[in-house]
Amino acid sequence: MATIREKLRDEVERLTEQEAEEALRIIRSLYHRRDLAPILRRLAGDPTFIVPENIGRPFHKVTPAKGTGRPASELLVEDRST
């Protein structure tokens, strides 16, 4: 069974130059999404804002806290509807 990369290579071989150029543009845009957002770069240079240094790195996984009773959002809706 072919791997995803092998399948991708096969598909790329079938593309015209124009289609290959468009595909490359899409692939590069996916890569750059991992980079800092342009707005965060601008804000980092502004002394009004503090942008954390680790921004752009993947977030670490957290386990949600377990609660008891009814969710606060449900209680809020109930309170607002009375």
PDB file of N, CA and C in Angstrom:
ATOM      1  N   MET A   1       0.844  -1.182   0.000  1.00  0.00           N
ATOM      2  CA  MET A   1       0.000   0.000   0.000  1.00  0.00           C
ATOM      3  C   MET A   1       0.889   1.245   0.000  1.00  0.00           C
ATOM      4  N   ALA A   2       0.579   2.198  -0.852  1.00  0.00           N
ATOM      5  CA  ALA A   2       1.381   3.412  -0.983  1.00  0.00           C
ATOM      6  C   ALA A   2       1.164   4.337   0.215  1.00  0.00           C
ATOM      7  N   THR A   3       2.241   4.986   0.610  1.00  0.00           N
ATOM      8  CA  THR A   3       2.127   5.958   1.696  1.00  0.00           C
ATOM      9  C   THR A   3       1.507   7.246   1.160  1.00  0.00           C
ATOM     10  N   ILE A   4       1.123   8.110   2.044  1.00  0.00           N
ATOM     11  CA  ILE A   4       0.535   9.395   1.655  1.00  0.00           C
ATOM     12  C   ILE A   4       1.518  10.186   0.801  1.00  0.00           C
ATOM     13  N   ARG A   5       2.782  10.198   1.183  1.00  0.00           N
ATOM     14  CA  ARG A   5       3.787  10.938   0.404  1.00  0.00           C
ATOM     15  C   ARG A   5       3.945  10.365  -1.004  1.00  0.00           C
ATOM     16  N   GLU A   6       3.898   9.042  -1.124  1.00  0.00           N
ATOM     17  CA  GLU A   6       3.996   8.429  -2.450  1.00  0.00           C
ATOM     18  C   GLU A   6       2.786   8.798  -3.304  1.00  0.00           C
ATOM     19  N   LYS A   7       1.600   8.776  -2.696  1.00  0.00           N
ATOM     20  CA  LYS A   7       0.389   9.169  -3.411  1.00  0.00           C
ATOM     21  C   LYS A   7       0.472  10.626  -3.846  1.00  0.00           C
ATOM     22  N   LEU A   8       0.990  11.465  -2.978  1.00  0.00           N
ATOM     23  CA  LEU A   8       1.138  12.880  -3.296  1.00  0.00           C
ATOM     24  C   LEU A   8       2.107  13.078  -4.459  1.00  0.00           C
ATOM     25  N   ARG A   9       3.228  12.348  -4.450  1.00  0.00           N
ATOM     26  CA  ARG A   9       4.188  12.428  -5.560  1.00  0.00           C
ATOM     27  C   ARG A   9       3.537  12.024  -6.878  1.00  0.00           C
ATOM     28  N   ASP A  10       2.741  10.958  -6.851  1.00  0.00           N
ATOM     29  CA  ASP A  10       2.052  10.507  -8.061  1.00  0.00           C
ATOM     30  C   ASP A  10       1.111  11.584  -8.593  1.00  0.00           C
ATOM     31  N   GLU A  11       0.384  12.219  -7.692  1.00  0.00           N
ATOM     32  CA  GLU A  11      -0.546  13.270  -8.105  1.00  0.00           C
ATOM     33  C   GLU A  11       0.198  14.480  -8.661  1.00  0.00           C
ATOM     34  N   VAL A  12       1.321  14.831  -8.048  1.00  0.00           N
ATOM     35  CA  VAL A  12       2.108  15.973  -8.505  1.00  0.00           C
ATOM     36  C   VAL A  12       2.624  15.741  -9.916  1.00  0.00           C
ATOM     37  N   GLU A  13       2.990  14.518 -10.231  1.00  0.00           N
ATOM     38  CA  GLU A  13       3.483  14.200 -11.570  1.00  0.00           C
ATOM     39  C   GLU A  13       2.441  14.466 -12.646  1.00  0.00           C
ATOM     40  N   ARG A  14       1.177  14.400 -12.295  1.00  0.00           N
ATOM     41  CA  ARG A  14       0.092  14.598 -13.262  1.00  0.00           C
ATOM     42  C   ARG A  14      -0.288  16.066 -13.446  1.00  0.00           C
ATOM     43  N   LEU A  15       0.208  16.950 -12.594  1.00  0.00           N
ATOM     44  CA  LEU A  15      -0.178  18.360 -12.649  1.00  0.00           C
ATOM     45  C   LEU A  15       0.498  19.097 -13.801  1.00  0.00           C
ATOM     46  N   THR A  16      -0.201  20.097 -14.321  1.00  0.00           N
ATOM     47  CA  THR A  16       0.422  21.013 -15.281  1.00  0.00           C
ATOM     48  C   THR A  16       1.300  21.973 -14.484  1.00  0.00           C
ATOM     49  N   GLU A  17       2.114  22.757 -15.164  1.00  0.00           N
ATOM     50  CA  GLU A  17       2.972  23.730 -14.463  1.00  0.00           C
ATOM     51  C   GLU A  17       2.125  24.707 -13.652  1.00  0.00           C
ATOM     52  N   GLN A  18       1.034  25.167 -14.252  1.00  0.00           N
ATOM     53  CA  GLN A  18       0.174  26.130 -13.559  1.00  0.00           C
ATOM     54  C   GLN A  18      -0.464  25.493 -12.328  1.00  0.00           C
ATOM     55  N   GLU A  19      -0.936  24.262 -12.448  1.00  0.00           N
ATOM     56  CA  GLU A  19      -1.529  23.566 -11.304  1.00  0.00           C
ATOM     57  C   GLU A  19      -0.481  23.303 -10.229  1.00  0.00           C
ATOM     58  N   ALA A  20       0.733  22.960 -10.657  1.00  0.00           N
ATOM     59  CA  ALA A  20       1.815  22.709  -9.701  1.00  0.00           C
ATOM     60  C   ALA A  20       2.160  23.985  -8.943  1.00  0.00           C
ATOM     61  N   GLU A  21       2.159  25.116  -9.648  1.00  0.00           N
ATOM     62  CA  GLU A  21       2.447  26.397  -8.999  1.00  0.00           C
ATOM     63  C   GLU A  21       1.388  26.729  -7.959  1.00  0.00           C
ATOM     64  N   GLU A  22       0.121  26.484  -8.299  1.00  0.00           N
ATOM     65  CA  GLU A  22      -0.967  26.736  -7.357  1.00  0.00           C
ATOM     66  C   GLU A  22      -0.868  25.807  -6.147  1.00  0.00           C
ATOM     67  N   ALA A  23      -0.554  24.540  -6.398  1.00  0.00           N
ATOM     68  CA  ALA A  23      -0.404  23.574  -5.304  1.00  0.00           C
ATOM     69  C   ALA A  23       0.740  23.971  -4.376  1.00  0.00           C
ATOM     70  N   LEU A  24       1.838  24.431  -4.968  1.00  0.00           N
ATOM     71  CA  LEU A  24       2.977  24.868  -4.159  1.00  0.00           C
ATOM     72  C   LEU A  24       2.597  26.065  -3.293  1.00  0.00           C
ATOM     73  N   ARG A  25       1.840  26.979  -3.859  1.00  0.00           N
ATOM     74  CA  ARG A  25       1.389  28.153  -3.093  1.00  0.00           C
ATOM     75  C   ARG A  25       0.532  27.715  -1.906  1.00  0.00           C
ATOM     76  N   ILE A  26      -0.354  26.753  -2.127  1.00  0.00           N
ATOM     77  CA  ILE A  26      -1.215  26.254  -1.045  1.00  0.00           C
ATOM     78  C   ILE A  26      -0.380  25.573   0.035  1.00  0.00           C
ATOM     79  N   ILE A  27       0.572  24.748  -0.386  1.00  0.00           N
ATOM     80  CA  ILE A  27       1.424  24.039   0.572  1.00  0.00           C
ATOM     81  C   ILE A  27       2.240  25.030   1.398  1.00  0.00           C
ATOM     82  N   ARG A  28       2.779  26.032   0.749  1.00  0.00           N
ATOM     83  CA  ARG A  28       3.557  27.042   1.483  1.00  0.00           C
ATOM     84  C   ARG A  28       2.684  27.816   2.453  1.00  0.00           C
ATOM     85  N   SER A  29       1.438  28.090   2.081  1.00  0.00           N
ATOM     86  CA  SER A  29       0.552  28.810   3.002  1.00  0.00           C
ATOM     87  C   SER A  29       0.255  27.961   4.228  1.00  0.00           C
ATOM     88  N   LEU A  30       0.151  26.640   4.055  1.00  0.00           N
ATOM     89  CA  LEU A  30      -0.054  25.755   5.207  1.00  0.00           C
ATOM     90  C   LEU A  30       1.144  25.798   6.136  1.00  0.00           C
ATOM     91  N   TYR A  31       2.333  25.815   5.563  1.00  0.00           N
ATOM     92  CA  TYR A  31       3.553  25.860   6.365  1.00  0.00           C
ATOM     93  C   TYR A  31       3.635  27.160   7.147  1.00  0.00           C
ATOM     94  N   HIS A  32       3.302  28.271   6.509  1.00  0.00           N
ATOM     95  CA  HIS A  32       3.417  29.574   7.165  1.00  0.00           C
ATOM     96  C   HIS A  32       2.351  29.804   8.224  1.00  0.00           C
ATOM     97  N   ARG A  33       1.286  29.025   8.213  1.00  0.00           N
ATOM     98  CA  ARG A  33       0.269  29.177   9.259  1.00  0.00           C
ATOM     99  C   ARG A  33       0.820  28.809  10.624  1.00  0.00           C
ATOM    100  N   ARG A  34       1.857  27.976  10.643  1.00  0.00           N
ATOM    101  CA  ARG A  34       2.469  27.583  11.919  1.00  0.00           C
ATOM    102  C   ARG A  34       3.292  28.716  12.502  1.00  0.00           C
ATOM    103  N   ASP A  35       3.643  29.662  11.655  1.00  0.00           N
ATOM    104  CA  ASP A  35       4.441  30.801  12.069  1.00  0.00           C
ATOM    105  C   ASP A  35       3.551  31.773  12.846  1.00  0.00           C
ATOM    106  N   LEU A  36       4.158  32.753  13.479  1.00  0.00           N
ATOM    107  CA  LEU A  36       3.388  33.761  14.186  1.00  0.00           C
ATOM    108  C   LEU A  36       2.454  34.484  13.235  1.00  0.00           C
ATOM    109  N   ALA A  37       1.288  34.793  13.710  1.00  0.00           N
ATOM    110  CA  ALA A  37       0.351  35.569  12.914  1.00  0.00           C
ATOM    111  C   ALA A  37       0.934  36.966  12.723  1.00  0.00           C
ATOM    112  N   PRO A  38       0.755  37.556  11.542  1.00  0.00           N
ATOM    113  CA  PRO A  38       1.303  38.897  11.295  1.00  0.00           C
ATOM    114  C   PRO A  38       0.855  39.935  12.318  1.00  0.00           C
ATOM    115  N   ILE A  39      -0.364  39.839  12.780  1.00  0.00           N
ATOM    116  CA  ILE A  39      -0.855  40.811  13.770  1.00  0.00           C
ATOM    117  C   ILE A  39      -0.075  40.694  15.074  1.00  0.00           C
ATOM    118  N   LEU A  40       0.302  39.460  15.453  1.00  0.00           N
ATOM    119  CA  LEU A  40       1.064  39.292  16.692  1.00  0.00           C
ATOM    120  C   LEU A  40       2.467  39.870  16.547  1.00  0.00           C
ATOM    121  N   ARG A  41       3.049  39.750  15.358  1.00  0.00           N
ATOM    122  CA  ARG A  41       4.373  40.340  15.134  1.00  0.00           C
ATOM    123  C   ARG A  41       4.313  41.863  15.273  1.00  0.00           C
ATOM    124  N   ARG A  42       3.243  42.436  14.720  1.00  0.00           N
ATOM    125  CA  ARG A  42       3.092  43.897  14.827  1.00  0.00           C
ATOM    126  C   ARG A  42       2.899  44.316  16.276  1.00  0.00           C
ATOM    127  N   LEU A  43       2.065  43.573  16.985  1.00  0.00           N
ATOM    128  CA  LEU A  43       1.800  43.917  18.385  1.00  0.00           C
ATOM    129  C   LEU A  43       3.043  43.755  19.250  1.00  0.00           C
ATOM    130  N   ALA A  44       3.891  42.793  18.925  1.00  0.00           N
ATOM    131  CA  ALA A  44       5.099  42.556  19.716  1.00  0.00           C
ATOM    132  C   ALA A  44       6.020  43.766  19.679  1.00  0.00           C
ATOM    133  N   GLY A  45       5.998  44.519  18.589  1.00  0.00           N
ATOM    134  CA  GLY A  45       6.840  45.708  18.482  1.00  0.00           C
ATOM    135  C   GLY A  45       6.251  46.936  19.147  1.00  0.00           C
ATOM    136  N   ASP A  46       5.007  46.845  19.571  1.00  0.00           N
ATOM    137  CA  ASP A  46       4.328  47.968  20.219  1.00  0.00           C
ATOM    138  C   ASP A  46       4.472  47.835  21.735  1.00  0.00           C
ATOM    139  N   PRO A  47       5.029  48.846  22.407  1.00  0.00           N
ATOM    140  CA  PRO A  47       5.232  48.737  23.860  1.00  0.00           C
ATOM    141  C   PRO A  47       3.936  48.652  24.663  1.00  0.00           C
ATOM    142  N   THR A  48       2.808  48.948  24.037  1.00  0.00           N
ATOM    143  CA  THR A  48       1.522  48.863  24.726  1.00  0.00           C
ATOM    144  C   THR A  48       1.148  47.422  25.038  1.00  0.00           C
ATOM    145  N   PHE A  49       1.612  46.504  24.206  1.00  0.00           N
ATOM    146  CA  PHE A  49       1.229  45.100  24.330  1.00  0.00           C
ATOM    147  C   PHE A  49       2.405  44.239  24.754  1.00  0.00           C
ATOM    148  N   ILE A  50       2.092  43.196  25.503  1.00  0.00           N
ATOM    149  CA  ILE A  50       3.098  42.202  25.877  1.00  0.00           C
ATOM    150  C   ILE A  50       2.698  40.900  25.196  1.00  0.00           C
ATOM    151  N   VAL A  51       3.510  40.455  24.250  1.00  0.00           N
ATOM    152  CA  VAL A  51       3.251  39.211  23.534  1.00  0.00           C
ATOM    153  C   VAL A  51       4.196  38.167  24.109  1.00  0.00           C
ATOM    154  N   PRO A  52       3.665  37.056  24.634  1.00  0.00           N
ATOM    155  CA  PRO A  52       4.526  36.022  25.215  1.00  0.00           C
ATOM    156  C   PRO A  52       5.553  35.503  24.210  1.00  0.00           C
ATOM    157  N   GLU A  53       6.734  35.183  24.697  1.00  0.00           N
ATOM    158  CA  GLU A  53       7.808  34.699  23.824  1.00  0.00           C
ATOM    159  C   GLU A  53       7.489  33.354  23.210  1.00  0.00           C
ATOM    160  N   ASN A  54       6.730  32.519  23.908  1.00  0.00           N
ATOM    161  CA  ASN A  54       6.462  31.171  23.405  1.00  0.00           C
ATOM    162  C   ASN A  54       5.280  31.128  22.443  1.00  0.00           C
ATOM    163  N   ILE A  55       4.792  32.285  22.026  1.00  0.00           N
ATOM    164  CA  ILE A  55       3.658  32.314  21.109  1.00  0.00           C
ATOM    165  C   ILE A  55       4.075  31.685  19.783  1.00  0.00           C
ATOM    166  N   GLY A  56       3.207  30.905  19.208  1.00  0.00           N
ATOM    167  CA  GLY A  56       3.521  30.226  17.962  1.00  0.00           C
ATOM    168  C   GLY A  56       3.968  28.793  18.165  1.00  0.00           C
ATOM    169  N   ARG A  57       4.373  28.479  19.366  1.00  0.00           N
ATOM    170  CA  ARG A  57       4.721  27.085  19.661  1.00  0.00           C
ATOM    171  C   ARG A  57       3.439  26.345  20.017  1.00  0.00           C
ATOM    172  N   PRO A  58       3.413  25.051  19.812  1.00  0.00           N
ATOM    173  CA  PRO A  58       2.184  24.308  20.131  1.00  0.00           C
ATOM    174  C   PRO A  58       1.850  24.407  21.620  1.00  0.00           C
ATOM    175  N   PHE A  59       0.585  24.473  21.912  1.00  0.00           N
ATOM    176  CA  PHE A  59       0.147  24.492  23.304  1.00  0.00           C
ATOM    177  C   PHE A  59       0.304  23.102  23.901  1.00  0.00           C
ATOM    178  N   HIS A  60       0.604  23.053  25.174  1.00  0.00           N
ATOM    179  CA  HIS A  60       0.674  21.748  25.814  1.00  0.00           C
ATOM    180  C   HIS A  60      -0.746  21.294  26.133  1.00  0.00           C
ATOM    181  N   LYS A  61      -0.939  19.995  26.137  1.00  0.00           N
ATOM    182  CA  LYS A  61      -2.274  19.447  26.371  1.00  0.00           C
ATOM    183  C   LYS A  61      -2.604  19.525  27.851  1.00  0.00           C
ATOM    184  N   VAL A  62      -3.845  19.856  28.116  1.00  0.00           N
ATOM    185  CA  VAL A  62      -4.326  19.902  29.496  1.00  0.00           C
ATOM    186  C   VAL A  62      -5.557  19.019  29.608  1.00  0.00           C
ATOM    187  N   THR A  63      -5.768  18.507  30.779  1.00  0.00           N
ATOM    188  CA  THR A  63      -6.951  17.706  31.040  1.00  0.00           C
ATOM    189  C   THR A  63      -7.994  18.615  31.673  1.00  0.00           C
ATOM    190  N   PRO A  64      -9.181  18.695  31.095  1.00  0.00           N
ATOM    191  CA  PRO A  64     -10.206  19.561  31.676  1.00  0.00           C
ATOM    192  C   PRO A  64     -10.554  19.133  33.096  1.00  0.00           C
ATOM    193  N   ALA A  65     -10.848  20.114  33.934  1.00  0.00           N
ATOM    194  CA  ALA A  65     -11.232  19.824  35.314  1.00  0.00           C
ATOM    195  C   ALA A  65     -12.627  19.221  35.332  1.00  0.00           C
ATOM    196  N   LYS A  66     -12.820  18.255  36.173  1.00  0.00           N
ATOM    197  CA  LYS A  66     -14.131  17.629  36.334  1.00  0.00           C
ATOM    198  C   LYS A  66     -14.921  18.430  37.350  1.00  0.00           C
ATOM    199  N   GLY A  67     -16.141  18.744  37.013  1.00  0.00           N
ATOM    200  CA  GLY A  67     -16.991  19.500  37.933  1.00  0.00           C
ATOM    201  C   GLY A  67     -18.191  18.677  38.340  1.00  0.00           C
ATOM    202  N   THR A  68     -18.850  19.131  39.369  1.00  0.00           N
ATOM    203  CA  THR A  68     -20.064  18.462  39.815  1.00  0.00           C
ATOM    204  C   THR A  68     -21.209  19.459  39.708  1.00  0.00           C
ATOM    205  N   GLY A  69     -22.391  18.956  39.621  1.00  0.00           N
ATOM    206  CA  GLY A  69     -23.555  19.834  39.539  1.00  0.00           C
ATOM    207  C   GLY A  69     -23.811  20.286  38.118  1.00  0.00           C
ATOM    208  N   ARG A  70     -24.697  21.266  38.007  1.00  0.00           N
ATOM    209  CA  ARG A  70     -25.079  21.773  36.695  1.00  0.00           C
ATOM    210  C   ARG A  70     -24.041  22.766  36.185  1.00  0.00           C
ATOM    211  N   PRO A  71     -23.832  22.797  34.879  1.00  0.00           N
ATOM    212  CA  PRO A  71     -22.864  23.751  34.320  1.00  0.00           C
ATOM    213  C   PRO A  71     -23.306  25.190  34.563  1.00  0.00           C
ATOM    214  N   ALA A  72     -22.341  26.064  34.773  1.00  0.00           N
ATOM    215  CA  ALA A  72     -22.634  27.468  35.043  1.00  0.00           C
ATOM    216  C   ALA A  72     -23.393  28.101  33.881  1.00  0.00           C
ATOM    217  N   SER A  73     -23.070  27.715  32.651  1.00  0.00           N
ATOM    218  CA  SER A  73     -23.771  28.293  31.502  1.00  0.00           C
ATOM    219  C   SER A  73     -25.261  27.953  31.538  1.00  0.00           C
ATOM    220  N   GLU A  74     -25.581  26.742  31.974  1.00  0.00           N
ATOM    221  CA  GLU A  74     -26.985  26.333  32.079  1.00  0.00           C
ATOM    222  C   GLU A  74     -27.693  27.145  33.158  1.00  0.00           C
ATOM    223  N   LEU A  75     -27.029  27.333  34.284  1.00  0.00           N
ATOM    224  CA  LEU A  75     -27.611  28.128  35.370  1.00  0.00           C
ATOM    225  C   LEU A  75     -27.814  29.580  34.942  1.00  0.00           C
ATOM    226  N   LEU A  76     -26.872  30.120  34.173  1.00  0.00           N
ATOM    227  CA  LEU A  76     -26.978  31.497  33.707  1.00  0.00           C
ATOM    228  C   LEU A  76     -28.167  31.662  32.766  1.00  0.00           C
ATOM    229  N   VAL A  77     -28.346  30.729  31.858  1.00  0.00           N
ATOM    230  CA  VAL A  77     -29.483  30.793  30.927  1.00  0.00           C
ATOM    231  C   VAL A  77     -30.790  30.718  31.707  1.00  0.00           C
ATOM    232  N   GLU A  78     -30.845  29.819  32.669  1.00  0.00           N
ATOM    233  CA  GLU A  78     -32.040  29.674  33.481  1.00  0.00           C
ATOM    234  C   GLU A  78     -32.335  30.971  34.251  1.00  0.00           C
ATOM    235  N   ASP A  79     -31.293  31.558  34.816  1.00  0.00           N
ATOM    236  CA  ASP A  79     -31.452  32.793  35.582  1.00  0.00           C
ATOM    237  C   ASP A  79     -31.935  33.936  34.697  1.00  0.00           C
ATOM    238  N   ARG A  80     -31.414  34.039  33.493  1.00  0.00           N
ATOM    239  CA  ARG A  80     -31.771  35.129  32.583  1.00  0.00           C
ATOM    240  C   ARG A  80     -33.185  34.953  32.025  1.00  0.00           C
ATOM    241  N   SER A  81     -33.663  33.732  31.954  1.00  0.00           N
ATOM    242  CA  SER A  81     -34.977  33.491  31.365  1.00  0.00           C
ATOM    243  C   SER A  81     -36.103  33.660  32.388  1.00  0.00           C
ATOM    244  N   THR A  82     -35.792  33.861  33.655  1.00  0.00           N
ATOM    245  CA  THR A  82     -36.849  34.056  34.665  1.00  0.00           C
ATOM    246  C   THR A  82     -37.022  35.509  35.009  1.00  0.00           C
TER     247      THR A  82
END
